[in-house]
C-alpha cells in the first residue's frame, strides 16, 4: 500500500497533467446557431400581376357607294380595329344583297368601323370618309346609281353628330366646290353585316376589285374632286 505522502504526490501530478491537457485543447467551440425550420404555409405570396386595361373601342358608320371600296381606306389607319361591310339606314330586317341592290329596302351599302379613340380620332375618320366619296351627287356614287348608293354619315352619339356637321360646314366654307354638298348626316340605326363573300373583298379578289374600281370611274372622279388629297387615302 502506498503511503499517504506518495498518494498526495501522485494526485498532484495527475491534476497538473489534466490541466495541461485542457489548456492545450483550448476553449470549446461555441455551438452553431440553429437555422429556423421553414414554416409550412407561411411564405409571403407573390403579388398578383396587374390587370391590363382593355382599350375602350368606339364605332363609326359611313356609306359611300360600293362598300367594297370603303373598307380599304379605313383599314389603313392605325387604330382602326376592324371594318365590316353591311346595310343600314332602311326598314327591311336582315336584308340580302339582292334586296338592297333593288333599291326597295331603304338601306345603303355601308361600312362599320370599330376603332380605338386613343389612337385615331373620329375627326380623322371623317377626313378619310370625305376624300373617298363624291359629296356632290345625290343618290349615286360614281357608276352606281340609286338610294342604296347614297353618301351618308351615320352618327352614333351627340359628339359624332357635332363633329360630322362641323366637318361638313368647314368643307362648304372652304370654297372647294361650287355645288352644294348633299351627303346626309343622320342617326345610326341597326346595322346588318353583309354576306361573307363581301367582307374584305378587296383583299380576297384584288384583280376583280381593281377592275371594278377602274371601270366604275371611282379613282378618276376622286382625283377630279379632291386632287392630290384623294391619293393620300
C-alpha atoms as a PDB file:
ATOM      1  CA  UNK A   1       0.000   0.000   0.000  1.00  0.00           C
ATOM      2  CA  UNK A   2       1.222   3.456  -0.979  1.00  0.00           C
ATOM      3  CA  UNK A   3       1.915   5.823   1.817  1.00  0.00           C
ATOM      4  CA  UNK A   4      -0.257   8.851   2.232  1.00  0.00           C
ATOM      5  CA  UNK A   5       2.511  11.163   1.131  1.00  0.00           C
ATOM      6  CA  UNK A   6       3.105   9.161  -2.025  1.00  0.00           C
ATOM      7  CA  UNK A   7      -0.624   9.292  -2.962  1.00  0.00           C
ATOM      8  CA  UNK A   8      -0.651  13.074  -2.481  1.00  0.00           C
ATOM      9  CA  UNK A   9       2.307  13.421  -4.829  1.00  0.00           C
ATOM     10  CA  UNK A  10       0.644  11.232  -7.496  1.00  0.00           C
ATOM     11  CA  UNK A  11      -2.659  13.116  -7.147  1.00  0.00           C
ATOM     12  CA  UNK A  12      -0.908  16.454  -7.589  1.00  0.00           C
ATOM     13  CA  UNK A  13       0.932  15.143 -10.652  1.00  0.00           C
ATOM     14  CA  UNK A  14      -2.329  13.843 -12.208  1.00  0.00           C
ATOM     15  CA  UNK A  15      -4.084  17.175 -11.636  1.00  0.00           C
ATOM     16  CA  UNK A  16      -1.220  19.014 -13.290  1.00  0.00           C
ATOM     17  CA  UNK A  17      -1.358  16.753 -16.326  1.00  0.00           C
ATOM     18  CA  UNK A  18      -5.143  17.236 -16.688  1.00  0.00           C
ATOM     19  CA  UNK A  19      -4.747  20.993 -16.542  1.00  0.00           C
ATOM     20  CA  UNK A  20      -2.062  20.979 -19.197  1.00  0.00           C
ATOM     21  CA  UNK A  21      -4.286  18.877 -21.492  1.00  0.00           C
ATOM     22  CA  UNK A  22      -7.237  21.204 -21.065  1.00  0.00           C
ATOM     23  CA  UNK A  23      -5.065  24.259 -21.789  1.00  0.00           C
ATOM     24  CA  UNK A  24      -3.703  22.646 -24.943  1.00  0.00           C
ATOM     25  CA  UNK A  25      -7.188  21.787 -26.218  1.00  0.00           C
ATOM     26  CA  UNK A  26      -8.279  25.426 -25.916  1.00  0.00           C
ATOM     27  CA  UNK A  27     -11.761  26.697 -25.195  1.00  0.00           C
ATOM     28  CA  UNK A  28     -14.666  24.684 -26.509  1.00  0.00           C
ATOM     29  CA  UNK A  29     -16.036  25.943 -29.856  1.00  0.00           C
ATOM     30  CA  UNK A  30     -19.426  27.632 -29.493  1.00  0.00           C
ATOM     31  CA  UNK A  31     -22.349  25.779 -30.951  1.00  0.00           C
ATOM     32  CA  UNK A  32     -23.529  26.985 -34.363  1.00  0.00           C
ATOM     33  CA  UNK A  33     -26.864  28.713 -34.157  1.00  0.00           C
ATOM     34  CA  UNK A  34     -29.637  26.565 -35.485  1.00  0.00           C
ATOM     35  CA  UNK A  35     -31.431  27.755 -38.618  1.00  0.00           C
ATOM     36  CA  UNK A  36     -35.136  28.184 -38.080  1.00  0.00           C
ATOM     37  CA  UNK A  37     -37.199  25.427 -39.561  1.00  0.00           C
ATOM     38  CA  UNK A  38     -39.276  26.617 -42.570  1.00  0.00           C
ATOM     39  CA  UNK A  39     -42.891  27.099 -41.616  1.00  0.00           C
ATOM     40  CA  UNK A  40     -45.285  25.364 -43.949  1.00  0.00           C
ATOM     41  CA  UNK A  41     -47.951  27.681 -45.368  1.00  0.00           C
ATOM     42  CA  UNK A  42     -46.473  30.918 -44.003  1.00  0.00           C
ATOM     43  CA  UNK A  43     -44.455  32.081 -47.067  1.00  0.00           C
ATOM     44  CA  UNK A  44     -45.272  35.560 -48.406  1.00  0.00           C
ATOM     45  CA  UNK A  45     -47.481  35.239 -51.503  1.00  0.00           C
ATOM     46  CA  UNK A  46     -46.212  36.739 -54.755  1.00  0.00           C
ATOM     47  CA  UNK A  47     -48.017  39.961 -55.731  1.00  0.00           C
ATOM     48  CA  UNK A  48     -50.826  39.459 -58.217  1.00  0.00           C
ATOM     49  CA  UNK A  49     -49.980  40.696 -61.740  1.00  0.00           C
ATOM     50  CA  UNK A  50     -51.594  43.982 -62.624  1.00  0.00           C
ATOM     51  CA  UNK A  51     -54.535  43.623 -64.944  1.00  0.00           C
ATOM     52  CA  UNK A  52     -54.005  45.386 -68.249  1.00  0.00           C
ATOM     53  CA  UNK A  53     -56.995  47.508 -69.097  1.00  0.00           C
ATOM     54  CA  UNK A  54     -58.585  46.745 -72.428  1.00  0.00           C
ATOM     55  CA  UNK A  55     -58.835  49.767 -74.763  1.00  0.00           C
ATOM     56  CA  UNK A  56     -62.257  51.371 -74.934  1.00  0.00           C
ATOM     57  CA  UNK A  57     -63.398  50.995 -78.507  1.00  0.00           C
ATOM     58  CA  UNK A  58     -65.893  53.072 -80.478  1.00  0.00           C
ATOM     59  CA  UNK A  59     -67.949  52.558 -83.620  1.00  0.00           C
ATOM     60  CA  UNK A  60     -68.414  54.719 -86.699  1.00  0.00           C
ATOM     61  CA  UNK A  61     -70.658  54.030 -89.695  1.00  0.00           C
ATOM     62  CA  UNK A  62     -70.408  55.507 -93.185  1.00  0.00           C
ATOM     63  CA  UNK A  63     -71.980  54.972 -96.604  1.00  0.00           C
ATOM     64  CA  UNK A  64     -70.037  55.913 -99.708  1.00  0.00           C
ATOM     65  CA  UNK A  65     -71.283  53.828-102.572  1.00  0.00           C
ATOM     66  CA  UNK A  66     -69.968  50.305-103.077  1.00  0.00           C
ATOM     67  CA  UNK A  67     -68.875  49.031 -99.677  1.00  0.00           C
ATOM     68  CA  UNK A  68     -66.015  47.053-101.235  1.00  0.00           C
ATOM     69  CA  UNK A  69     -64.287  50.362-101.896  1.00  0.00           C
ATOM     70  CA  UNK A  70     -64.832  51.827 -98.429  1.00  0.00           C
ATOM     71  CA  UNK A  71     -63.128  49.167 -96.313  1.00  0.00           C
ATOM     72  CA  UNK A  72     -59.566  49.610 -97.573  1.00  0.00           C
ATOM     73  CA  UNK A  73     -59.115  53.333 -96.854  1.00  0.00           C
ATOM     74  CA  UNK A  74     -60.181  52.872 -93.217  1.00  0.00           C
ATOM     75  CA  UNK A  75     -58.183  49.665 -92.756  1.00  0.00           C
ATOM     76  CA  UNK A  76     -55.016  51.638 -93.482  1.00  0.00           C
ATOM     77  CA  UNK A  77     -55.472  53.856 -90.429  1.00  0.00           C
ATOM     78  CA  UNK A  78     -53.513  52.912 -87.289  1.00  0.00           C
ATOM     79  CA  UNK A  79     -56.077  52.499 -84.516  1.00  0.00           C
ATOM     80  CA  UNK A  80     -58.790  51.004 -86.713  1.00  0.00           C
ATOM     81  CA  UNK A  81     -59.591  47.571 -85.302  1.00  0.00           C
ATOM     82  CA  UNK A  82     -61.971  46.279 -87.969  1.00  0.00           C
ATOM     83  CA  UNK A  83     -64.203  47.232 -90.878  1.00  0.00           C
ATOM     84  CA  UNK A  84     -67.400  45.406 -91.806  1.00  0.00           C
ATOM     85  CA  UNK A  85     -69.438  45.796 -94.976  1.00  0.00           C
ATOM     86  CA  UNK A  86     -73.184  45.836 -94.465  1.00  0.00           C
ATOM     87  CA  UNK A  87     -76.535  47.527 -94.823  1.00  0.00           C
ATOM     88  CA  UNK A  88     -78.181  50.229 -92.723  1.00  0.00           C
ATOM     89  CA  UNK A  89     -80.498  53.217 -92.907  1.00  0.00           C
ATOM     90  CA  UNK A  90     -83.549  51.333 -94.169  1.00  0.00           C
ATOM     91  CA  UNK A  91     -86.513  49.375 -92.848  1.00  0.00           C
ATOM     92  CA  UNK A  92     -86.018  45.791 -94.043  1.00  0.00           C
ATOM     93  CA  UNK A  93     -84.885  43.403 -91.299  1.00  0.00           C
ATOM     94  CA  UNK A  94     -81.959  41.152 -92.231  1.00  0.00           C
ATOM     95  CA  UNK A  95     -81.843  42.233 -95.876  1.00  0.00           C
ATOM     96  CA  UNK A  96     -79.929  40.336 -98.521  1.00  0.00           C
ATOM     97  CA  UNK A  97     -77.576  41.853-101.060  1.00  0.00           C
ATOM     98  CA  UNK A  98     -80.097  41.277-103.827  1.00  0.00           C
ATOM     99  CA  UNK A  99     -82.841  43.052-101.844  1.00  0.00           C
ATOM    100  CA  UNK A 100     -80.649  46.064-101.060  1.00  0.00           C
ATOM    101  CA  UNK A 101     -79.418  46.240-104.642  1.00  0.00           C
ATOM    102  CA  UNK A 102     -83.025  46.502-105.833  1.00  0.00           C
ATOM    103  CA  UNK A 103     -83.334  49.845-104.053  1.00  0.00           C
ATOM    104  CA  UNK A 104     -86.555  48.850-102.279  1.00  0.00           C
ATOM    105  CA  UNK A 105     -85.283  48.401 -98.703  1.00  0.00           C
ATOM    106  CA  UNK A 106     -84.207  51.936 -97.897  1.00  0.00           C
ATOM    107  CA  UNK A 107     -80.805  50.619 -96.843  1.00  0.00           C
ATOM    108  CA  UNK A 108     -77.497  51.935 -98.106  1.00  0.00           C
ATOM    109  CA  UNK A 109     -74.396  49.880 -98.698  1.00  0.00           C
ATOM    110  CA  UNK A 110     -72.296  50.890 -95.693  1.00  0.00           C
ATOM    111  CA  UNK A 111     -69.168  50.141 -93.751  1.00  0.00           C
ATOM    112  CA  UNK A 112     -68.994  49.932 -89.973  1.00  0.00           C
ATOM    113  CA  UNK A 113     -65.650  50.870 -88.433  1.00  0.00           C
ATOM    114  CA  UNK A 114     -64.540  49.769 -84.961  1.00  0.00           C
ATOM    115  CA  UNK A 115     -61.659  51.936 -83.735  1.00  0.00           C
ATOM    116  CA  UNK A 116     -59.551  52.839 -80.726  1.00  0.00           C
ATOM    117  CA  UNK A 117     -60.134  56.551 -79.965  1.00  0.00           C
ATOM    118  CA  UNK A 118     -56.802  56.749 -78.146  1.00  0.00           C
ATOM    119  CA  UNK A 119     -55.028  56.032 -81.450  1.00  0.00           C
ATOM    120  CA  UNK A 120     -57.295  57.517 -84.106  1.00  0.00           C
ATOM    121  CA  UNK A 121     -59.920  60.224 -83.723  1.00  0.00           C
ATOM    122  CA  UNK A 122     -63.377  60.424 -85.198  1.00  0.00           C
ATOM    123  CA  UNK A 123     -62.287  63.604 -86.985  1.00  0.00           C
ATOM    124  CA  UNK A 124     -59.576  61.609 -88.759  1.00  0.00           C
ATOM    125  CA  UNK A 125     -62.161  59.044 -89.817  1.00  0.00           C
ATOM    126  CA  UNK A 126     -64.300  61.865 -91.209  1.00  0.00           C
ATOM    127  CA  UNK A 127     -61.361  63.153 -93.243  1.00  0.00           C
ATOM    128  CA  UNK A 128     -60.870  59.711 -94.782  1.00  0.00           C
ATOM    129  CA  UNK A 129     -64.591  59.469 -95.497  1.00  0.00           C
ATOM    130  CA  UNK A 130     -64.852  62.793 -97.321  1.00  0.00           C
ATOM    131  CA  UNK A 131     -61.855  62.048 -99.533  1.00  0.00           C
ATOM    132  CA  UNK A 132     -63.384  58.746-100.648  1.00  0.00           C
ATOM    133  CA  UNK A 133     -66.846  59.932-101.704  1.00  0.00           C
ATOM    134  CA  UNK A 134     -68.480  62.236-104.204  1.00  0.00           C
ATOM    135  CA  UNK A 135     -70.368  64.578-101.848  1.00  0.00           C
ATOM    136  CA  UNK A 136     -71.999  66.482-104.704  1.00  0.00           C
ATOM    137  CA  UNK A 137     -74.095  63.693-106.224  1.00  0.00           C
ATOM    138  CA  UNK A 138     -77.416  62.696-104.705  1.00  0.00           C
ATOM    139  CA  UNK A 139     -78.442  59.026-104.559  1.00  0.00           C
ATOM    140  CA  UNK A 140     -75.437  57.803-106.523  1.00  0.00           C
ATOM    141  CA  UNK A 141     -71.706  57.241-106.244  1.00  0.00           C
ATOM    142  CA  UNK A 142     -69.654  57.072-109.422  1.00  0.00           C
ATOM    143  CA  UNK A 143     -71.160  54.427-111.746  1.00  0.00           C
ATOM    144  CA  UNK A 144     -73.603  53.101-109.126  1.00  0.00           C
ATOM    145  CA  UNK A 145     -76.996  54.795-109.004  1.00  0.00           C
ATOM    146  CA  UNK A 146     -79.886  54.526-106.570  1.00  0.00           C
ATOM    147  CA  UNK A 147     -80.624  55.393-102.934  1.00  0.00           C
ATOM    148  CA  UNK A 148     -78.687  52.291-101.893  1.00  0.00           C
ATOM    149  CA  UNK A 149     -75.529  54.086-103.052  1.00  0.00           C
ATOM    150  CA  UNK A 150     -76.128  57.455-101.397  1.00  0.00           C
ATOM    151  CA  UNK A 151     -73.358  59.002 -99.270  1.00  0.00           C
ATOM    152  CA  UNK A 152     -74.188  59.170 -95.560  1.00  0.00           C
ATOM    153  CA  UNK A 153     -72.539  59.758 -92.202  1.00  0.00           C
ATOM    154  CA  UNK A 154     -74.441  57.728 -89.582  1.00  0.00           C
ATOM    155  CA  UNK A 155     -73.569  59.231 -86.190  1.00  0.00           C
ATOM    156  CA  UNK A 156     -73.690  57.129 -83.002  1.00  0.00           C
ATOM    157  CA  UNK A 157     -73.809  59.895 -80.386  1.00  0.00           C
ATOM    158  CA  UNK A 158     -74.087  63.646 -79.965  1.00  0.00           C
ATOM    159  CA  UNK A 159     -70.332  64.184 -80.242  1.00  0.00           C
ATOM    160  CA  UNK A 160     -70.127  62.332 -83.550  1.00  0.00           C
ATOM    161  CA  UNK A 161     -73.071  64.394 -84.817  1.00  0.00           C
ATOM    162  CA  UNK A 162     -71.348  67.631 -83.792  1.00  0.00           C
ATOM    163  CA  UNK A 163     -68.074  66.683 -85.433  1.00  0.00           C
ATOM    164  CA  UNK A 164     -69.768  65.468 -88.618  1.00  0.00           C
ATOM    165  CA  UNK A 165     -71.830  68.633 -89.016  1.00  0.00           C
ATOM    166  CA  UNK A 166     -68.808  70.804 -88.257  1.00  0.00           C
ATOM    167  CA  UNK A 167     -66.707  68.999 -90.864  1.00  0.00           C
ATOM    168  CA  UNK A 168     -69.444  69.488 -93.438  1.00  0.00           C
ATOM    169  CA  UNK A 169     -69.691  73.217 -92.631  1.00  0.00           C
ATOM    170  CA  UNK A 170     -65.927  73.588 -92.951  1.00  0.00           C
ATOM    171  CA  UNK A 171     -65.988  71.847 -96.314  1.00  0.00           C
ATOM    172  CA  UNK A 172     -68.776  74.131 -97.532  1.00  0.00           C
ATOM    173  CA  UNK A 173     -66.911  77.215 -96.297  1.00  0.00           C
ATOM    174  CA  UNK A 174     -63.656  76.144 -97.941  1.00  0.00           C
ATOM    175  CA  UNK A 175     -64.899  77.174-101.381  1.00  0.00           C
ATOM    176  CA  UNK A 176     -63.603  73.953-102.931  1.00  0.00           C
ATOM    177  CA  UNK A 177     -66.962  73.156-104.505  1.00  0.00           C
ATOM    178  CA  UNK A 178     -69.477  75.406-106.230  1.00  0.00           C
ATOM    179  CA  UNK A 179     -72.230  72.815-105.965  1.00  0.00           C
ATOM    180  CA  UNK A 180     -73.968  72.064-102.659  1.00  0.00           C
ATOM    181  CA  UNK A 181     -72.803  69.125-100.556  1.00  0.00           C
ATOM    182  CA  UNK A 182     -75.642  66.594-100.452  1.00  0.00           C
ATOM    183  CA  UNK A 183     -74.097  63.965 -98.144  1.00  0.00           C
ATOM    184  CA  UNK A 184     -76.582  63.128 -95.398  1.00  0.00           C
ATOM    185  CA  UNK A 185     -75.837  63.190 -91.658  1.00  0.00           C
ATOM    186  CA  UNK A 186     -78.361  61.026 -89.813  1.00  0.00           C
ATOM    187  CA  UNK A 187     -78.595  58.911 -86.628  1.00  0.00           C
ATOM    188  CA  UNK A 188     -77.215  55.400 -86.835  1.00  0.00           C
ATOM    189  CA  UNK A 189     -79.732  52.566 -86.839  1.00  0.00           C
ATOM    190  CA  UNK A 190     -79.485  48.790 -86.914  1.00  0.00           C
ATOM    191  CA  UNK A 191     -76.513  47.641 -88.950  1.00  0.00           C
ATOM    192  CA  UNK A 192     -76.808  44.323 -90.796  1.00  0.00           C
ATOM    193  CA  UNK A 193     -73.474  42.755 -91.830  1.00  0.00           C
ATOM    194  CA  UNK A 194     -73.346  41.742 -95.484  1.00  0.00           C
ATOM    195  CA  UNK A 195     -72.779  38.212 -96.688  1.00  0.00           C
ATOM    196  CA  UNK A 196     -69.332  36.704 -96.035  1.00  0.00           C
ATOM    197  CA  UNK A 197     -68.170  36.939 -99.640  1.00  0.00           C
ATOM    198  CA  UNK A 198     -68.473  40.728 -99.459  1.00  0.00           C
ATOM    199  CA  UNK A 199     -66.192  41.056 -96.428  1.00  0.00           C
ATOM    200  CA  UNK A 200     -62.628  42.110 -97.304  1.00  0.00           C
ATOM    201  CA  UNK A 201     -63.488  41.734-100.965  1.00  0.00           C
ATOM    202  CA  UNK A 202     -60.618  43.995-101.975  1.00  0.00           C
ATOM    203  CA  UNK A 203     -58.206  41.546-100.305  1.00  0.00           C
ATOM    204  CA  UNK A 204     -59.848  38.296-101.372  1.00  0.00           C
ATOM    205  CA  UNK A 205     -60.370  39.289-105.014  1.00  0.00           C
ATOM    206  CA  UNK A 206     -57.817  42.010-105.774  1.00  0.00           C
ATOM    207  CA  UNK A 207     -57.920  41.689-109.566  1.00  0.00           C
ATOM    208  CA  UNK A 208     -61.707  41.839-109.819  1.00  0.00           C
ATOM    209  CA  UNK A 209     -61.758  44.637-107.258  1.00  0.00           C
ATOM    210  CA  UNK A 210     -59.298  46.802-109.179  1.00  0.00           C
ATOM    211  CA  UNK A 211     -61.130  46.136-112.432  1.00  0.00           C
ATOM    212  CA  UNK A 212     -64.437  47.190-110.871  1.00  0.00           C
ATOM    213  CA  UNK A 213     -62.939  50.280-109.259  1.00  0.00           C
ATOM    214  CA  UNK A 214     -61.318  51.392-112.505  1.00  0.00           C
ATOM    215  CA  UNK A 215     -64.345  50.571-114.632  1.00  0.00           C
ATOM    216  CA  UNK A 216     -66.635  52.480-112.289  1.00  0.00           C
ATOM    217  CA  UNK A 217     -64.500  55.610-112.670  1.00  0.00           C
ATOM    218  CA  UNK A 218     -64.086  55.932-108.938  1.00  0.00           C
ATOM    219  CA  UNK A 219     -60.440  56.966-108.787  1.00  0.00           C
ATOM    220  CA  UNK A 220     -60.763  59.335-111.742  1.00  0.00           C
ATOM    221  CA  UNK A 221     -63.686  61.142-110.125  1.00  0.00           C
ATOM    222  CA  UNK A 222     -61.982  61.288-106.736  1.00  0.00           C
ATOM    223  CA  UNK A 223     -58.930  62.814-108.390  1.00  0.00           C
ATOM    224  CA  UNK A 224     -61.184  65.372-110.068  1.00  0.00           C
ATOM    225  CA  UNK A 225     -62.881  66.253-106.779  1.00  0.00           C
ATOM    226  CA  UNK A 226     -60.012  66.119-104.302  1.00  0.00           C
ATOM    227  CA  UNK A 227     -56.821  66.415-106.345  1.00  0.00           C
ATOM    228  CA  UNK A 228     -53.737  65.080-104.584  1.00  0.00           C
ATOM    229  CA  UNK A 229     -55.691  64.671-101.334  1.00  0.00           C
ATOM    230  CA  UNK A 230     -57.501  61.697-102.836  1.00  0.00           C
ATOM    231  CA  UNK A 231     -54.247  59.775-103.228  1.00  0.00           C
ATOM    232  CA  UNK A 232     -53.485  60.099 -99.508  1.00  0.00           C
ATOM    233  CA  UNK A 233     -56.442  57.960 -98.612  1.00  0.00           C
END
